């Protein structure tokens, strides 16, 4: 039996799929470079991914420049 959180997440994923939100993504069909993410220090990995996905970290950002 799944938890309420798992059901919420699954419902949101299914809704996004129905709305086409996963279509035409910049890296669609390309393999993910897991070596890059693994090379980030563990203490900043999750935060960096969160900032990057939320567009807080732009190409010109000096905050994470050394980790690109």
C-alpha atoms as a PDB file:
ATOM      1  CA  UNK A   1       0.000   0.000   0.000  1.00  0.00           C
ATOM      2  CA  UNK A   2       1.415   3.364  -1.009  1.00  0.00           C
ATOM      3  CA  UNK A   3       1.632   6.386   1.212  1.00  0.00           C
ATOM      4  CA  UNK A   4      -0.427   9.510   0.661  1.00  0.00           C
ATOM      5  CA  UNK A   5       2.714  11.343  -0.466  1.00  0.00           C
ATOM      6  CA  UNK A   6       3.452   8.693  -3.110  1.00  0.00           C
ATOM      7  CA  UNK A   7      -0.107   8.978  -4.411  1.00  0.00           C
ATOM      8  CA  UNK A   8       0.108  12.777  -4.594  1.00  0.00           C
ATOM      9  CA  UNK A   9       3.407  12.594  -6.453  1.00  0.00           C
ATOM     10  CA  UNK A  10       2.091   9.967  -8.859  1.00  0.00           C
ATOM     11  CA  UNK A  11      -1.072  11.997  -9.512  1.00  0.00           C
ATOM     12  CA  UNK A  12       0.970  15.100 -10.274  1.00  0.00           C
ATOM     13  CA  UNK A  13       3.282  13.196 -12.609  1.00  0.00           C
ATOM     14  CA  UNK A  14       0.316  11.703 -14.457  1.00  0.00           C
ATOM     15  CA  UNK A  15      -1.326  15.135 -14.745  1.00  0.00           C
ATOM     16  CA  UNK A  16       1.905  16.668 -16.081  1.00  0.00           C
ATOM     17  CA  UNK A  17       2.148  13.867 -18.644  1.00  0.00           C
ATOM     18  CA  UNK A  18      -1.451  14.467 -19.763  1.00  0.00           C
ATOM     19  CA  UNK A  19      -0.705  18.198 -20.088  1.00  0.00           C
ATOM     20  CA  UNK A  20       2.405  17.501 -22.186  1.00  0.00           C
ATOM     21  CA  UNK A  21       4.767  19.099 -19.686  1.00  0.00           C
ATOM     22  CA  UNK A  22       7.433  16.470 -20.376  1.00  0.00           C
ATOM     23  CA  UNK A  23       7.377  17.066 -24.135  1.00  0.00           C
ATOM     24  CA  UNK A  24      10.186  18.894 -25.961  1.00  0.00           C
ATOM     25  CA  UNK A  25      12.484  19.165 -22.971  1.00  0.00           C
ATOM     26  CA  UNK A  26      15.991  20.400 -23.883  1.00  0.00           C
ATOM     27  CA  UNK A  27      17.663  17.083 -23.060  1.00  0.00           C
ATOM     28  CA  UNK A  28      14.824  14.776 -24.143  1.00  0.00           C
ATOM     29  CA  UNK A  29      16.139  11.543 -25.592  1.00  0.00           C
ATOM     30  CA  UNK A  30      19.686  12.161 -24.391  1.00  0.00           C
ATOM     31  CA  UNK A  31      21.383  10.125 -21.659  1.00  0.00           C
ATOM     32  CA  UNK A  32      21.816  11.786 -18.287  1.00  0.00           C
ATOM     33  CA  UNK A  33      25.427  12.360 -17.284  1.00  0.00           C
ATOM     34  CA  UNK A  34      25.332  10.904 -13.784  1.00  0.00           C
ATOM     35  CA  UNK A  35      29.090  11.301 -13.391  1.00  0.00           C
ATOM     36  CA  UNK A  36      28.642  15.081 -13.277  1.00  0.00           C
ATOM     37  CA  UNK A  37      26.080  14.960 -10.447  1.00  0.00           C
ATOM     38  CA  UNK A  38      28.153  12.408  -8.545  1.00  0.00           C
ATOM     39  CA  UNK A  39      31.182  14.717  -8.787  1.00  0.00           C
ATOM     40  CA  UNK A  40      29.409  17.493  -6.848  1.00  0.00           C
ATOM     41  CA  UNK A  41      30.159  17.585  -3.119  1.00  0.00           C
ATOM     42  CA  UNK A  42      27.409  15.692  -1.309  1.00  0.00           C
ATOM     43  CA  UNK A  43      26.634  18.639   0.939  1.00  0.00           C
ATOM     44  CA  UNK A  44      25.620  20.898  -1.965  1.00  0.00           C
ATOM     45  CA  UNK A  45      24.293  18.380  -4.488  1.00  0.00           C
ATOM     46  CA  UNK A  46      20.599  18.556  -3.569  1.00  0.00           C
ATOM     47  CA  UNK A  47      20.647  22.317  -3.107  1.00  0.00           C
ATOM     48  CA  UNK A  48      22.398  22.897  -6.421  1.00  0.00           C
ATOM     49  CA  UNK A  49      19.901  20.704  -8.269  1.00  0.00           C
ATOM     50  CA  UNK A  50      17.007  22.513  -6.603  1.00  0.00           C
ATOM     51  CA  UNK A  51      18.377  25.954  -7.477  1.00  0.00           C
ATOM     52  CA  UNK A  52      19.184  24.904 -11.029  1.00  0.00           C
ATOM     53  CA  UNK A  53      15.764  23.374 -11.639  1.00  0.00           C
ATOM     54  CA  UNK A  54      14.040  26.444 -10.203  1.00  0.00           C
ATOM     55  CA  UNK A  55      16.106  28.693 -12.495  1.00  0.00           C
ATOM     56  CA  UNK A  56      17.838  30.464  -9.625  1.00  0.00           C
ATOM     57  CA  UNK A  57      21.154  29.448 -11.097  1.00  0.00           C
ATOM     58  CA  UNK A  58      21.620  31.038 -14.506  1.00  0.00           C
ATOM     59  CA  UNK A  59      24.515  30.678 -16.907  1.00  0.00           C
ATOM     60  CA  UNK A  60      26.141  33.856 -15.600  1.00  0.00           C
ATOM     61  CA  UNK A  61      25.677  33.044 -11.949  1.00  0.00           C
ATOM     62  CA  UNK A  62      28.915  33.310 -10.015  1.00  0.00           C
ATOM     63  CA  UNK A  63      27.529  31.369  -7.054  1.00  0.00           C
ATOM     64  CA  UNK A  64      27.821  27.959  -8.698  1.00  0.00           C
ATOM     65  CA  UNK A  65      30.226  28.853 -11.488  1.00  0.00           C
ATOM     66  CA  UNK A  66      32.897  26.474 -10.247  1.00  0.00           C
ATOM     67  CA  UNK A  67      30.523  23.510 -10.290  1.00  0.00           C
ATOM     68  CA  UNK A  68      29.422  23.586 -13.922  1.00  0.00           C
END
